[in-house]
PDB file of N, CA and C in Angstrom:
ATOM      1  N   MET A   1     -11.417  69.914 157.214  1.00  0.00           N
ATOM      2  CA  MET A   1     -11.133  70.377 158.566  1.00  0.00           C
ATOM      3  C   MET A   1     -12.392  70.215 159.405  1.00  0.00           C
ATOM      4  N   ASN A   2     -12.208  69.732 160.614  1.00  0.00           N
ATOM      5  CA  ASN A   2     -13.306  69.584 161.548  1.00  0.00           C
ATOM      6  C   ASN A   2     -13.393  70.859 162.381  1.00  0.00           C
ATOM      7  N   ILE A   3     -14.590  71.427 162.487  1.00  0.00           N
ATOM      8  CA  ILE A   3     -14.799  72.710 163.161  1.00  0.00           C
ATOM      9  C   ILE A   3     -15.752  72.520 164.338  1.00  0.00           C
ATOM     10  N   TYR A   4     -15.363  73.068 165.491  1.00  0.00           N
ATOM     11  CA  TYR A   4     -16.207  73.057 166.687  1.00  0.00           C
ATOM     12  C   TYR A   4     -17.047  74.324 166.713  1.00  0.00           C
ATOM     13  N   ILE A   5     -18.339  74.162 167.036  1.00  0.00           N
ATOM     14  CA  ILE A   5     -19.236  75.312 167.172  1.00  0.00           C
ATOM     15  C   ILE A   5     -19.893  75.219 168.539  1.00  0.00           C
ATOM     16  N   GLY A   6     -19.647  76.228 169.378  1.00  0.00           N
ATOM     17  CA  GLY A   6     -20.196  76.231 170.723  1.00  0.00           C
ATOM     18  C   GLY A   6     -21.170  77.368 170.940  1.00  0.00           C
ATOM     19  N   ASN A   7     -21.823  77.325 172.102  1.00  0.00           N
ATOM     20  CA  ASN A   7     -22.791  78.338 172.513  1.00  0.00           C
ATOM     21  C   ASN A   7     -23.968  78.421 171.544  1.00  0.00           C
ATOM     22  N   LEU A   8     -24.495  77.243 171.185  1.00  0.00           N
ATOM     23  CA  LEU A   8     -25.647  77.195 170.283  1.00  0.00           C
ATOM     24  C   LEU A   8     -26.944  77.235 171.078  1.00  0.00           C
ATOM     25  N   SER A   9     -27.950  77.833 170.494  1.00  0.00           N
ATOM     26  CA  SER A   9     -29.280  77.869 171.073  1.00  0.00           C
ATOM     27  C   SER A   9     -29.929  76.487 170.933  1.00  0.00           C
ATOM     28  N   ASP A  10     -30.916  76.203 171.762  1.00  0.00           N
ATOM     29  CA  ASP A  10     -31.666  74.950 171.635  1.00  0.00           C
ATOM     30  C   ASP A  10     -32.401  74.871 170.310  1.00  0.00           C
ATOM     31  N   ASN A  11     -32.701  76.034 169.718  1.00  0.00           N
ATOM     32  CA  ASN A  11     -33.452  76.076 168.466  1.00  0.00           C
ATOM     33  C   ASN A  11     -32.588  75.927 167.223  1.00  0.00           C
ATOM     34  N   THR A  12     -31.269  75.986 167.358  1.00  0.00           N
ATOM     35  CA  THR A  12     -30.382  75.905 166.201  1.00  0.00           C
ATOM     36  C   THR A  12     -30.316  74.465 165.704  1.00  0.00           C
ATOM     37  N   THR A  13     -30.564  74.290 164.401  1.00  0.00           N
ATOM     38  CA  THR A  13     -30.579  72.955 163.804  1.00  0.00           C
ATOM     39  C   THR A  13     -29.357  72.754 162.911  1.00  0.00           C
ATOM     40  N   ALA A  14     -29.145  71.521 162.507  1.00  0.00           N
ATOM     41  CA  ALA A  14     -28.053  71.187 161.594  1.00  0.00           C
ATOM     42  C   ALA A  14     -28.254  71.894 160.249  1.00  0.00           C
ATOM     43  N   ASP A  15     -29.499  72.015 159.810  1.00  0.00           N
ATOM     44  CA  ASP A  15     -29.785  72.694 158.531  1.00  0.00           C
ATOM     45  C   ASP A  15     -29.411  74.175 158.599  1.00  0.00           C
ATOM     46  N   THR A  16     -29.673  74.816 159.734  1.00  0.00           N
ATOM     47  CA  THR A  16     -29.305  76.226 159.906  1.00  0.00           C
ATOM     48  C   THR A  16     -27.798  76.399 159.788  1.00  0.00           C
ATOM     49  N   LEU A  17     -27.041  75.535 160.468  1.00  0.00           N
ATOM     50  CA  LEU A  17     -25.583  75.614 160.432  1.00  0.00           C
ATOM     51  C   LEU A  17     -25.044  75.322 159.034  1.00  0.00           C
ATOM     52  N   LYS A  18     -25.634  74.337 158.371  1.00  0.00           N
ATOM     53  CA  LYS A  18     -25.176  73.995 157.020  1.00  0.00           C
ATOM     54  C   LYS A  18     -25.380  75.171 156.074  1.00  0.00           C
ATOM     55  N   THR A  19     -26.494  75.849 156.190  1.00  0.00           N
ATOM     56  CA  THR A  19     -26.768  77.014 155.349  1.00  0.00           C
ATOM     57  C   THR A  19     -25.753  78.125 155.600  1.00  0.00           C
ATOM     58  N   LEU A  20     -25.429  78.376 156.872  1.00  0.00           N
ATOM     59  CA  LEU A  20     -24.449  79.411 157.211  1.00  0.00           C
ATOM     60  C   LEU A  20     -23.071  79.094 156.627  1.00  0.00           C
ATOM     61  N   PHE A  21     -22.616  77.866 156.799  1.00  0.00           N
ATOM     62  CA  PHE A  21     -21.268  77.500 156.375  1.00  0.00           C
ATOM     63  C   PHE A  21     -21.166  77.238 154.878  1.00  0.00           C
ATOM     64  N   ALA A  22     -22.269  76.905 154.224  1.00  0.00           N
ATOM     65  CA  ALA A  22     -22.257  76.642 152.783  1.00  0.00           C
ATOM     66  C   ALA A  22     -21.908  77.889 151.980  1.00  0.00           C
ATOM     67  N   GLU A  23     -22.067  79.068 152.554  1.00  0.00           N
ATOM     68  CA  GLU A  23     -21.696  80.308 151.876  1.00  0.00           C
ATOM     69  C   GLU A  23     -20.187  80.393 151.651  1.00  0.00           C
ATOM     70  N   PHE A  24     -19.416  79.637 152.442  1.00  0.00           N
ATOM     71  CA  PHE A  24     -17.953  79.698 152.364  1.00  0.00           C
ATOM     72  C   PHE A  24     -17.341  78.513 151.628  1.00  0.00           C
ATOM     73  N   GLY A  25     -18.142  77.515 151.302  1.00  0.00           N
ATOM     74  CA  GLY A  25     -17.623  76.370 150.568  1.00  0.00           C
ATOM     75  C   GLY A  25     -18.439  75.116 150.836  1.00  0.00           C
ATOM     76  N   ASP A  26     -17.878  73.989 150.401  1.00  0.00           N
ATOM     77  CA  ASP A  26     -18.545  72.698 150.515  1.00  0.00           C
ATOM     78  C   ASP A  26     -18.576  72.239 151.975  1.00  0.00           C
ATOM     79  N   VAL A  27     -19.723  71.732 152.416  1.00  0.00           N
ATOM     80  CA  VAL A  27     -19.889  71.215 153.771  1.00  0.00           C
ATOM     81  C   VAL A  27     -20.144  69.717 153.673  1.00  0.00           C
ATOM     82  N   GLU A  28     -19.238  68.915 154.235  1.00  0.00           N
ATOM     83  CA  GLU A  28     -19.387  67.458 154.181  1.00  0.00           C
ATOM     84  C   GLU A  28     -20.417  66.948 155.163  1.00  0.00           C
ATOM     85  N   SER A  29     -20.336  67.402 156.415  1.00  0.00           N
ATOM     86  CA  SER A  29     -21.271  66.919 157.426  1.00  0.00           C
ATOM     87  C   SER A  29     -21.479  67.970 158.512  1.00  0.00           C
ATOM     88  N   VAL A  30     -22.644  67.876 159.143  1.00  0.00           N
ATOM     89  CA  VAL A  30     -23.004  68.764 160.256  1.00  0.00           C
ATOM     90  C   VAL A  30     -23.618  67.895 161.339  1.00  0.00           C
ATOM     91  N   LYS A  31     -23.168  68.084 162.579  1.00  0.00           N
ATOM     92  CA  LYS A  31     -23.725  67.315 163.681  1.00  0.00           C
ATOM     93  C   LYS A  31     -23.921  68.226 164.883  1.00  0.00           C
ATOM     94  N   VAL A  32     -25.168  68.353 165.320  1.00  0.00           N
ATOM     95  CA  VAL A  32     -25.491  69.081 166.545  1.00  0.00           C
ATOM     96  C   VAL A  32     -25.627  68.009 167.628  1.00  0.00           C
ATOM     97  N   ILE A  33     -24.838  68.122 168.689  1.00  0.00           N
ATOM     98  CA  ILE A  33     -24.820  67.113 169.746  1.00  0.00           C
ATOM     99  C   ILE A  33     -26.047  67.291 170.636  1.00  0.00           C
ATOM    100  N   LYS A  34     -26.750  66.160 170.869  1.00  0.00           N
ATOM    101  CA  LYS A  34     -27.983  66.200 171.659  1.00  0.00           C
ATOM    102  C   LYS A  34     -27.879  65.294 172.873  1.00  0.00           C
ATOM    103  N   ASP A  35     -28.628  65.648 173.900  1.00  0.00           N
ATOM    104  CA  ASP A  35     -28.706  64.855 175.117  1.00  0.00           C
ATOM    105  C   ASP A  35     -29.467  63.564 174.809  1.00  0.00           C
ATOM    106  N   ARG A  36     -28.961  62.446 175.268  1.00  0.00           N
ATOM    107  CA  ARG A  36     -29.609  61.155 174.978  1.00  0.00           C
ATOM    108  C   ARG A  36     -30.983  61.034 175.602  1.00  0.00           C
ATOM    109  N   SER A  37     -31.122  61.483 176.832  1.00  0.00           N
ATOM    110  CA  SER A  37     -32.386  61.285 177.531  1.00  0.00           C
ATOM    111  C   SER A  37     -33.467  62.269 177.098  1.00  0.00           C
ATOM    112  N   SER A  38     -33.113  63.539 176.951  1.00  0.00           N
ATOM    113  CA  SER A  38     -34.139  64.539 176.637  1.00  0.00           C
ATOM    114  C   SER A  38     -34.261  64.822 175.147  1.00  0.00           C
ATOM    115  N   GLY A  39     -33.194  64.565 174.377  1.00  0.00           N
ATOM    116  CA  GLY A  39     -33.222  64.858 172.943  1.00  0.00           C
ATOM    117  C   GLY A  39     -32.965  66.321 172.624  1.00  0.00           C
ATOM    118  N   ARG A  40     -32.700  67.132 173.644  1.00  0.00           N
ATOM    119  CA  ARG A  40     -32.426  68.563 173.431  1.00  0.00           C
ATOM    120  C   ARG A  40     -30.961  68.770 173.112  1.00  0.00           C
ATOM    121  N   SER A  41     -30.678  69.857 172.428  1.00  0.00           N
ATOM    122  CA  SER A  41     -29.314  70.202 172.068  1.00  0.00           C
ATOM    123  C   SER A  41     -28.491  70.473 173.321  1.00  0.00           C
ATOM    124  N   LYS A  42     -27.225  70.023 173.300  1.00  0.00           N
ATOM    125  CA  LYS A  42     -26.313  70.298 174.409  1.00  0.00           C
ATOM    126  C   LYS A  42     -25.624  71.643 174.240  1.00  0.00           C
ATOM    127  N   GLY A  43     -25.867  72.321 173.115  1.00  0.00           N
ATOM    128  CA  GLY A  43     -25.326  73.658 172.924  1.00  0.00           C
ATOM    129  C   GLY A  43     -24.046  73.699 172.114  1.00  0.00           C
ATOM    130  N   PHE A  44     -23.672  72.586 171.494  1.00  0.00           N
ATOM    131  CA  PHE A  44     -22.495  72.597 170.639  1.00  0.00           C
ATOM    132  C   PHE A  44     -22.639  71.564 169.529  1.00  0.00           C
ATOM    133  N   GLY A  45     -21.765  71.691 168.534  1.00  0.00           N
ATOM    134  CA  GLY A  45     -21.805  70.764 167.414  1.00  0.00           C
ATOM    135  C   GLY A  45     -20.510  70.811 166.626  1.00  0.00           C
ATOM    136  N   PHE A  46     -20.484  70.066 165.521  1.00  0.00           N
ATOM    137  CA  PHE A  46     -19.296  69.976 164.686  1.00  0.00           C
ATOM    138  C   PHE A  46     -19.674  70.049 163.218  1.00  0.00           C
ATOM    139  N   ILE A  47     -18.803  70.665 162.431  1.00  0.00           N
ATOM    140  CA  ILE A  47     -18.981  70.746 160.986  1.00  0.00           C
ATOM    141  C   ILE A  47     -17.690  70.273 160.336  1.00  0.00           C
ATOM    142  N   GLU A  48     -17.828  69.477 159.294  1.00  0.00           N
ATOM    143  CA  GLU A  48     -16.668  68.992 158.543  1.00  0.00           C
ATOM    144  C   GLU A  48     -16.671  69.665 157.176  1.00  0.00           C
ATOM    145  N   MET A  49     -15.569  70.360 156.881  1.00  0.00           N
ATOM    146  CA  MET A  49     -15.386  70.996 155.569  1.00  0.00           C
ATOM    147  C   MET A  49     -14.102  70.448 154.955  1.00  0.00           C
ATOM    148  N   PRO A  50     -14.148  69.979 153.698  1.00  0.00           N
ATOM    149  CA  PRO A  50     -12.963  69.369 153.090  1.00  0.00           C
ATOM    150  C   PRO A  50     -11.821  70.343 152.829  1.00  0.00           C
ATOM    151  N   SER A  51     -12.116  71.587 152.545  1.00  0.00           N
ATOM    152  CA  SER A  51     -11.080  72.570 152.228  1.00  0.00           C
ATOM    153  C   SER A  51     -10.692  73.364 153.473  1.00  0.00           C
ATOM    154  N   ASN A  52      -9.414  73.287 153.846  1.00  0.00           N
ATOM    155  CA  ASN A  52      -8.947  74.023 155.030  1.00  0.00           C
ATOM    156  C   ASN A  52      -9.038  75.533 154.846  1.00  0.00           C
ATOM    157  N   SER A  53      -8.773  76.021 153.641  1.00  0.00           N
ATOM    158  CA  SER A  53      -8.827  77.474 153.415  1.00  0.00           C
ATOM    159  C   SER A  53     -10.259  77.988 153.533  1.00  0.00           C
ATOM    160  N   GLU A  54     -11.224  77.246 153.006  1.00  0.00           N
ATOM    161  CA  GLU A  54     -12.629  77.650 153.121  1.00  0.00           C
ATOM    162  C   GLU A  54     -13.085  77.582 154.580  1.00  0.00           C
ATOM    163  N   ALA A  55     -12.612  76.567 155.292  1.00  0.00           N
ATOM    164  CA  ALA A  55     -12.975  76.425 156.699  1.00  0.00           C
ATOM    165  C   ALA A  55     -12.413  77.589 157.522  1.00  0.00           C
ATOM    166  N   ASP A  56     -11.154  77.969 157.241  1.00  0.00           N
ATOM    167  CA  ASP A  56     -10.557  79.104 157.947  1.00  0.00           C
ATOM    168  C   ASP A  56     -11.321  80.399 157.689  1.00  0.00           C
ATOM    169  N   GLN A  57     -11.749  80.605 156.451  1.00  0.00           N
ATOM    170  CA  GLN A  57     -12.539  81.799 156.117  1.00  0.00           C
ATOM    171  C   GLN A  57     -13.854  81.793 156.881  1.00  0.00           C
ATOM    172  N   ALA A  58     -14.511  80.625 156.954  1.00  0.00           N
ATOM    173  CA  ALA A  58     -15.789  80.520 157.662  1.00  0.00           C
ATOM    174  C   ALA A  58     -15.610  80.798 159.153  1.00  0.00           C
ATOM    175  N   ILE A  59     -14.530  80.266 159.731  1.00  0.00           N
ATOM    176  CA  ILE A  59     -14.278  80.480 161.158  1.00  0.00           C
ATOM    177  C   ILE A  59     -14.080  81.965 161.444  1.00  0.00           C
ATOM    178  N   LYS A  60     -13.258  82.622 160.631  1.00  0.00           N
ATOM    179  CA  LYS A  60     -12.995  84.052 160.836  1.00  0.00           C
ATOM    180  C   LYS A  60     -14.245  84.898 160.656  1.00  0.00           C
ATOM    181  N   ALA A  61     -15.071  84.547 159.674  1.00  0.00           N
ATOM    182  CA  ALA A  61     -16.254  85.358 159.373  1.00  0.00           C
ATOM    183  C   ALA A  61     -17.410  85.119 160.343  1.00  0.00           C
ATOM    184  N   LEU A  62     -17.569  83.881 160.822  1.00  0.00           N
ATOM    185  CA  LEU A  62     -18.756  83.551 161.606  1.00  0.00           C
ATOM    186  C   LEU A  62     -18.541  83.528 163.119  1.00  0.00           C
ATOM    187  N   ASN A  63     -17.301  83.489 163.579  1.00  0.00           N
ATOM    188  CA  ASN A  63     -17.041  83.438 165.014  1.00  0.00           C
ATOM    189  C   ASN A  63     -17.609  84.693 165.685  1.00  0.00           C
ATOM    190  N   GLY A  64     -18.459  84.484 166.681  1.00  0.00           N
ATOM    191  CA  GLY A  64     -19.077  85.594 167.406  1.00  0.00           C
ATOM    192  C   GLY A  64     -20.388  86.076 166.819  1.00  0.00           C
ATOM    193  N   ASN A  65     -20.771  85.560 165.644  1.00  0.00           N
ATOM    194  CA  ASN A  65     -22.040  85.969 165.042  1.00  0.00           C
ATOM    195  C   ASN A  65     -23.221  85.461 165.860  1.00  0.00           C
ATOM    196  N   ARG A  66     -24.293  86.245 165.855  1.00  0.00           N
ATOM    197  CA  ARG A  66     -25.494  85.909 166.611  1.00  0.00           C
ATOM    198  C   ARG A  66     -26.427  85.054 165.751  1.00  0.00           C
ATOM    199  N   VAL A  67     -26.747  83.857 166.263  1.00  0.00           N
ATOM    200  CA  VAL A  67     -27.678  82.952 165.582  1.00  0.00           C
ATOM    201  C   VAL A  67     -28.683  82.456 166.608  1.00  0.00           C
ATOM    202  N   ASP A  68     -29.953  82.615 166.327  1.00  0.00           N
ATOM    203  CA  ASP A  68     -31.037  82.202 167.220  1.00  0.00           C
ATOM    204  C   ASP A  68     -30.868  82.768 168.632  1.00  0.00           C
ATOM    205  N   GLY A  69     -30.375  84.009 168.725  1.00  0.00           N
ATOM    206  CA  GLY A  69     -30.290  84.695 170.007  1.00  0.00           C
ATOM    207  C   GLY A  69     -29.012  84.470 170.798  1.00  0.00           C
ATOM    208  N   LYS A  70     -28.048  83.707 170.262  1.00  0.00           N
ATOM    209  CA  LYS A  70     -26.793  83.469 170.977  1.00  0.00           C
ATOM    210  C   LYS A  70     -25.605  83.700 170.055  1.00  0.00           C
ATOM    211  N   ASN A  71     -24.504  84.198 170.629  1.00  0.00           N
ATOM    212  CA  ASN A  71     -23.281  84.406 169.853  1.00  0.00           C
ATOM    213  C   ASN A  71     -22.495  83.101 169.792  1.00  0.00           C
ATOM    214  N   MET A  72     -22.290  82.600 168.581  1.00  0.00           N
ATOM    215  CA  MET A  72     -21.580  81.338 168.395  1.00  0.00           C
ATOM    216  C   MET A  72     -20.093  81.501 168.688  1.00  0.00           C
ATOM    217  N   LYS A  73     -19.481  80.429 169.200  1.00  0.00           N
ATOM    218  CA  LYS A  73     -18.030  80.365 169.391  1.00  0.00           C
ATOM    219  C   LYS A  73     -17.526  79.273 168.455  1.00  0.00           C
ATOM    220  N   ILE A  74     -16.696  79.670 167.502  1.00  0.00           N
ATOM    221  CA  ILE A  74     -16.257  78.746 166.462  1.00  0.00           C
ATOM    222  C   ILE A  74     -14.741  78.681 166.444  1.00  0.00           C
ATOM    223  N   LYS A  75     -14.217  77.442 166.391  1.00  0.00           N
ATOM    224  CA  LYS A  75     -12.767  77.246 166.312  1.00  0.00           C
ATOM    225  C   LYS A  75     -12.493  75.858 165.721  1.00  0.00           C
ATOM    226  N   PRO A  76     -11.267  75.637 165.247  1.00  0.00           N
ATOM    227  CA  PRO A  76     -10.928  74.292 164.755  1.00  0.00           C
ATOM    228  C   PRO A  76     -11.081  73.285 165.887  1.00  0.00           C
ATOM    229  N   ALA A  77     -11.635  72.125 165.572  1.00  0.00           N
ATOM    230  CA  ALA A  77     -11.880  71.109 166.598  1.00  0.00           C
ATOM    231  C   ALA A  77     -10.596  70.393 166.960  1.00  0.00           C
ATOM    232  N   ASP A  78     -10.470  70.057 168.216  1.00  0.00           N
ATOM    233  CA  ASP A  78      -9.331  69.281 168.703  1.00  0.00           C
ATOM    234  C   ASP A  78      -9.468  67.849 168.197  1.00  0.00           C
ATOM    235  N   SER A  79      -8.366  67.258 167.797  1.00  0.00           N
ATOM    236  CA  SER A  79      -8.410  65.900 167.249  1.00  0.00           C
ATOM    237  C   SER A  79      -8.720  64.859 168.313  1.00  0.00           C
ATOM    238  N   GLY A  80      -8.590  65.219 169.592  1.00  0.00           N
ATOM    239  CA  GLY A  80      -8.906  64.288 170.661  1.00  0.00           C
ATOM    240  C   GLY A  80      -7.713  63.457 171.100  1.00  0.00           C
ATOM    241  N   GLY A  81      -6.614  63.497 170.372  1.00  0.00           N
ATOM    242  CA  GLY A  81      -5.474  62.684 170.708  1.00  0.00           C
ATOM    243  C   GLY A  81      -4.443  63.398 171.559  1.00  0.00           C
ATOM    244  N   LYS A  82      -4.715  64.608 171.980  1.00  0.00           N
ATOM    245  CA  LYS A  82      -3.731  65.412 172.701  1.00  0.00           C
ATOM    246  C   LYS A  82      -3.880  65.342 174.215  1.00  0.00           C
ATOM    247  N   ARG A  83      -4.759  64.529 174.720  1.00  0.00           N
ATOM    248  CA  ARG A  83      -4.999  64.471 176.149  1.00  0.00           C
ATOM    249  C   ARG A  83      -3.821  63.836 176.865  1.00  0.00           C
ATOM    250  N   SER A  84      -3.500  64.375 178.014  1.00  0.00           N
ATOM    251  CA  SER A  84      -2.405  63.802 178.792  1.00  0.00           C
ATOM    252  C   SER A  84      -2.945  62.653 179.638  1.00  0.00           C
ATOM    253  N   LYS A  85      -2.087  61.695 179.858  1.00  0.00           N
ATOM    254  CA  LYS A  85      -2.493  60.544 180.660  1.00  0.00           C
ATOM    255  C   LYS A  85      -2.472  60.926 182.131  1.00  0.00           C
ATOM    256  N   LYS A  86      -3.460  60.462 182.861  1.00  0.00           N
ATOM    257  CA  LYS A  86      -3.514  60.715 184.292  1.00  0.00           C
ATOM    258  C   LYS A  86      -2.558  59.765 184.996  1.00  0.00           C
ATOM    259  N   LYS A  87      -1.924  60.273 186.037  1.00  0.00           N
ATOM    260  CA  LYS A  87      -1.062  59.412 186.831  1.00  0.00           C
ATOM    261  C   LYS A  87      -1.930  58.518 187.692  1.00  0.00           C
ATOM    262  N   ARG A  88      -1.564  57.268 187.715  1.00  0.00           N
ATOM    263  CA  ARG A  88      -2.324  56.311 188.513  1.00  0.00           C
ATOM    264  C   ARG A  88      -1.882  56.392 189.967  1.00  0.00           C
ATOM    265  N   PHE A  89      -2.823  56.205 190.822  1.00  0.00           N
ATOM    266  CA  PHE A  89      -2.539  56.220 192.254  1.00  0.00           C
ATOM    267  C   PHE A  89      -1.766  54.951 192.606  1.00  0.00           C
ATOM    268  N   ARG A  90      -0.629  55.118 193.268  1.00  0.00           N
ATOM    269  CA  ARG A  90       0.171  53.976 193.689  1.00  0.00           C
ATOM    270  C   ARG A  90       0.207  53.925 195.197  1.00  0.00           C
ATOM    271  N   ARG A  91      -0.118  52.783 195.695  1.00  0.00           N
ATOM    272  CA  ARG A  91      -0.110  52.589 197.147  1.00  0.00           C
ATOM    273  C   ARG A  91       1.317  52.275 197.594  1.00  0.00           C
ATOM    274  N   ARG A  92       1.756  52.971 198.619  1.00  0.00           N
ATOM    275  CA  ARG A  92       3.083  52.713 199.145  1.00  0.00           C
ATOM    276  C   ARG A  92       3.080  51.425 199.949  1.00  0.00           C
ATOM    277  N   ARG A  93       4.130  50.713 199.783  1.00  0.00           N
ATOM    278  CA  ARG A  93       4.266  49.483 200.570  1.00  0.00           C
ATOM    279  C   ARG A  93       4.763  49.836 201.966  1.00  0.00           C
ATOM    280  N   SER A  94       4.204  49.212 202.921  1.00  0.00           N
ATOM    281  CA  SER A  94       4.703  49.388 204.292  1.00  0.00           C
ATOM    282  C   SER A  94       5.277  48.054 204.734  1.00  0.00           C
ATOM    283  N   TYR A  95       6.485  48.074 205.180  1.00  0.00           N
ATOM    284  CA  TYR A  95       7.160  46.844 205.590  1.00  0.00           C
ATOM    285  C   TYR A  95       7.167  46.700 207.078  1.00  0.00           C
TER     286      TYR A  95
END
């Protein structure tokens, strides 16, 4: 299961998150999203856990916990395929 983690401090690292989530089971990958130009954290990241039950336990236990001075917001990540298509602007014909 892919897990979204928001409201992260600039000081929170991938190793910190891996240590927190490893208490609940196997962690496949951890990614803290960073700004391309500055290299600083954008304040969110993703964790991949192979077991859905372990991931659910981690989400319930860690959501709202304070890490590096900020309360984390944790929830299952959106797959990205649920976005609605925008309607295209159509110019009316004038005769």
